[in-house]
Amino acid sequence: MSLLTQSVEYLYAISGPLAFLAYFPQILTLLHNKDGAHSTSLLTWLMWVVSLGINTAYAGLINGDLYFLISSASGFAGSVLVFVIACYKRSRFAQAQSSI
């Protein structure tokens, strides 16, 4: 295996977990949000959840490449976290507004 091939393989292996870390600023923003996360598009994040869920299923069930599975699953986990937190924040905000 050439140095270039090994380098690309290594970079690909760490790209998923690094991408997962990139979700944390959005997650922290949502956790501190007080207005029900209305500036976060649930439809967009749902699209990412579905898309990355399909990628993860493909990686695990069809492709069989562990690095592809890790990369896909990392993105899927990050997008699920953002989506779930945003939905929770919207729900809590709506409950608080209805009790006023």
C-alpha atoms as a PDB file:
ATOM      1  CA  MET A   1       0.000   0.000   0.000  1.00  0.00           C
ATOM      2  CA  SER A   2       1.449   3.371  -0.964  1.00  0.00           C
ATOM      3  CA  LEU A   3       1.982   6.246   1.435  1.00  0.00           C
ATOM      4  CA  LEU A   4      -0.702   8.249  -0.378  1.00  0.00           C
ATOM      5  CA  THR A   5      -3.220   5.422  -0.043  1.00  0.00           C
ATOM      6  CA  GLN A   6      -2.387   4.925   3.620  1.00  0.00           C
ATOM      7  CA  SER A   7      -2.679   8.655   4.258  1.00  0.00           C
ATOM      8  CA  VAL A   8      -6.088   8.878   2.601  1.00  0.00           C
ATOM      9  CA  GLU A   9      -7.272   5.816   4.518  1.00  0.00           C
ATOM     10  CA  TYR A  10      -6.099   7.309   7.818  1.00  0.00           C
ATOM     11  CA  LEU A  11      -7.662  10.701   7.115  1.00  0.00           C
ATOM     12  CA  TYR A  12     -10.925   9.040   6.114  1.00  0.00           C
ATOM     13  CA  ALA A  13     -10.910   6.982   9.319  1.00  0.00           C
ATOM     14  CA  ILE A  14     -10.675  10.081  11.509  1.00  0.00           C
ATOM     15  CA  SER A  15     -12.948  12.307   9.420  1.00  0.00           C
ATOM     16  CA  GLY A  16     -16.167  10.846  10.852  1.00  0.00           C
ATOM     17  CA  PRO A  17     -15.292  11.306  14.513  1.00  0.00           C
ATOM     18  CA  LEU A  18     -13.923  14.780  13.771  1.00  0.00           C
ATOM     19  CA  ALA A  19     -17.141  15.659  11.961  1.00  0.00           C
ATOM     20  CA  PHE A  20     -19.076  14.430  15.008  1.00  0.00           C
ATOM     21  CA  LEU A  21     -17.139  16.893  17.168  1.00  0.00           C
ATOM     22  CA  ALA A  22     -18.165  19.654  14.767  1.00  0.00           C
ATOM     23  CA  TYR A  23     -21.796  19.129  15.811  1.00  0.00           C
ATOM     24  CA  PHE A  24     -21.072  20.264  19.367  1.00  0.00           C
ATOM     25  CA  PRO A  25     -21.233  24.037  18.760  1.00  0.00           C
ATOM     26  CA  GLN A  26     -24.744  23.539  17.338  1.00  0.00           C
ATOM     27  CA  ILE A  27     -25.673  21.229  20.215  1.00  0.00           C
ATOM     28  CA  LEU A  28     -24.418  23.725  22.809  1.00  0.00           C
ATOM     29  CA  THR A  29     -26.276  26.549  21.077  1.00  0.00           C
ATOM     30  CA  LEU A  30     -29.486  24.529  21.210  1.00  0.00           C
ATOM     31  CA  LEU A  31     -28.983  23.572  24.846  1.00  0.00           C
ATOM     32  CA  HIS A  32     -28.635  27.242  25.814  1.00  0.00           C
ATOM     33  CA  ASN A  33     -31.484  28.390  23.582  1.00  0.00           C
ATOM     34  CA  LYS A  34     -34.439  30.023  25.358  1.00  0.00           C
ATOM     35  CA  ASP A  35     -36.848  30.620  22.449  1.00  0.00           C
ATOM     36  CA  GLY A  36     -37.770  27.060  21.535  1.00  0.00           C
ATOM     37  CA  ALA A  37     -35.050  26.643  18.898  1.00  0.00           C
ATOM     38  CA  HIS A  38     -37.238  28.293  16.288  1.00  0.00           C
ATOM     39  CA  SER A  39     -34.205  29.390  14.281  1.00  0.00           C
ATOM     40  CA  THR A  40     -33.303  25.716  13.750  1.00  0.00           C
ATOM     41  CA  SER A  41     -34.960  24.087  10.744  1.00  0.00           C
ATOM     42  CA  LEU A  42     -36.393  20.755  11.887  1.00  0.00           C
ATOM     43  CA  LEU A  43     -37.084  19.749   8.290  1.00  0.00           C
ATOM     44  CA  THR A  44     -33.448  20.277   7.320  1.00  0.00           C
ATOM     45  CA  TRP A  45     -32.142  18.326  10.298  1.00  0.00           C
ATOM     46  CA  LEU A  46     -34.683  15.556   9.684  1.00  0.00           C
ATOM     47  CA  MET A  47     -33.374  15.324   6.114  1.00  0.00           C
ATOM     48  CA  TRP A  48     -29.833  14.909   7.498  1.00  0.00           C
ATOM     49  CA  VAL A  49     -31.019  12.245   9.961  1.00  0.00           C
ATOM     50  CA  VAL A  50     -32.715  10.243   7.203  1.00  0.00           C
ATOM     51  CA  SER A  51     -29.870  10.679   4.719  1.00  0.00           C
ATOM     52  CA  LEU A  52     -27.132   9.756   7.174  1.00  0.00           C
ATOM     53  CA  GLY A  53     -29.256   6.920   8.548  1.00  0.00           C
ATOM     54  CA  ILE A  54     -29.456   5.461   5.050  1.00  0.00           C
ATOM     55  CA  ASN A  55     -25.683   5.952   4.605  1.00  0.00           C
ATOM     56  CA  THR A  56     -25.046   4.168   7.895  1.00  0.00           C
ATOM     57  CA  ALA A  57     -27.338   1.283   6.981  1.00  0.00           C
ATOM     58  CA  TYR A  58     -25.636   0.993   3.594  1.00  0.00           C
ATOM     59  CA  ALA A  59     -22.200   1.029   5.212  1.00  0.00           C
ATOM     60  CA  GLY A  60     -23.140  -1.623   7.762  1.00  0.00           C
ATOM     61  CA  LEU A  61     -25.331  -3.912   5.701  1.00  0.00           C
ATOM     62  CA  ILE A  62     -24.031  -3.666   2.149  1.00  0.00           C
ATOM     63  CA  ASN A  63     -20.626  -2.018   1.883  1.00  0.00           C
ATOM     64  CA  GLY A  64     -18.941  -3.643   4.867  1.00  0.00           C
ATOM     65  CA  ASP A  65     -16.205  -0.998   5.094  1.00  0.00           C
ATOM     66  CA  LEU A  66     -15.571  -0.272   8.781  1.00  0.00           C
ATOM     67  CA  TYR A  67     -14.202   3.229   8.106  1.00  0.00           C
ATOM     68  CA  PHE A  68     -17.254   4.105   6.006  1.00  0.00           C
ATOM     69  CA  LEU A  69     -19.494   2.765   8.773  1.00  0.00           C
ATOM     70  CA  ILE A  70     -17.713   4.833  11.444  1.00  0.00           C
ATOM     71  CA  SER A  71     -17.836   7.960   9.306  1.00  0.00           C
ATOM     72  CA  SER A  72     -21.517   7.534   8.485  1.00  0.00           C
ATOM     73  CA  ALA A  73     -22.526   6.570  12.016  1.00  0.00           C
ATOM     74  CA  SER A  74     -20.692   9.583  13.460  1.00  0.00           C
ATOM     75  CA  GLY A  75     -22.607  11.976  11.238  1.00  0.00           C
ATOM     76  CA  PHE A  76     -25.850  10.139  11.926  1.00  0.00           C
ATOM     77  CA  ALA A  77     -25.334  10.361  15.701  1.00  0.00           C
ATOM     78  CA  GLY A  78     -24.546  14.074  15.533  1.00  0.00           C
ATOM     79  CA  SER A  79     -27.559  14.903  13.405  1.00  0.00           C
ATOM     80  CA  VAL A  80     -29.864  12.791  15.588  1.00  0.00           C
ATOM     81  CA  LEU A  81     -28.646  14.660  18.668  1.00  0.00           C
ATOM     82  CA  VAL A  82     -29.284  18.046  17.070  1.00  0.00           C
ATOM     83  CA  PHE A  83     -32.726  16.992  15.827  1.00  0.00           C
ATOM     84  CA  VAL A  84     -33.813  15.481  19.159  1.00  0.00           C
ATOM     85  CA  ILE A  85     -32.598  18.465  21.192  1.00  0.00           C
ATOM     86  CA  ALA A  86     -34.337  20.912  18.839  1.00  0.00           C
ATOM     87  CA  CYS A  87     -37.593  18.928  19.048  1.00  0.00           C
ATOM     88  CA  TYR A  88     -37.321  18.812  22.839  1.00  0.00           C
ATOM     89  CA  LYS A  89     -36.693  22.553  23.044  1.00  0.00           C
ATOM     90  CA  ARG A  90     -39.690  23.269  20.790  1.00  0.00           C
ATOM     91  CA  SER A  91     -41.908  21.022  22.873  1.00  0.00           C
ATOM     92  CA  ARG A  92     -40.818  22.585  26.175  1.00  0.00           C
ATOM     93  CA  PHE A  93     -41.246  26.093  24.749  1.00  0.00           C
ATOM     94  CA  ALA A  94     -44.747  25.285  23.506  1.00  0.00           C
ATOM     95  CA  GLN A  95     -45.687  23.841  26.911  1.00  0.00           C
ATOM     96  CA  ALA A  96     -44.380  26.925  28.679  1.00  0.00           C
ATOM     97  CA  GLN A  97     -46.286  29.232  26.307  1.00  0.00           C
ATOM     98  CA  SER A  98     -49.544  27.330  26.754  1.00  0.00           C
ATOM     99  CA  SER A  99     -49.325  27.535  30.536  1.00  0.00           C
ATOM    100  CA  ILE A 100     -49.083  31.328  30.479  1.00  0.00           C
END
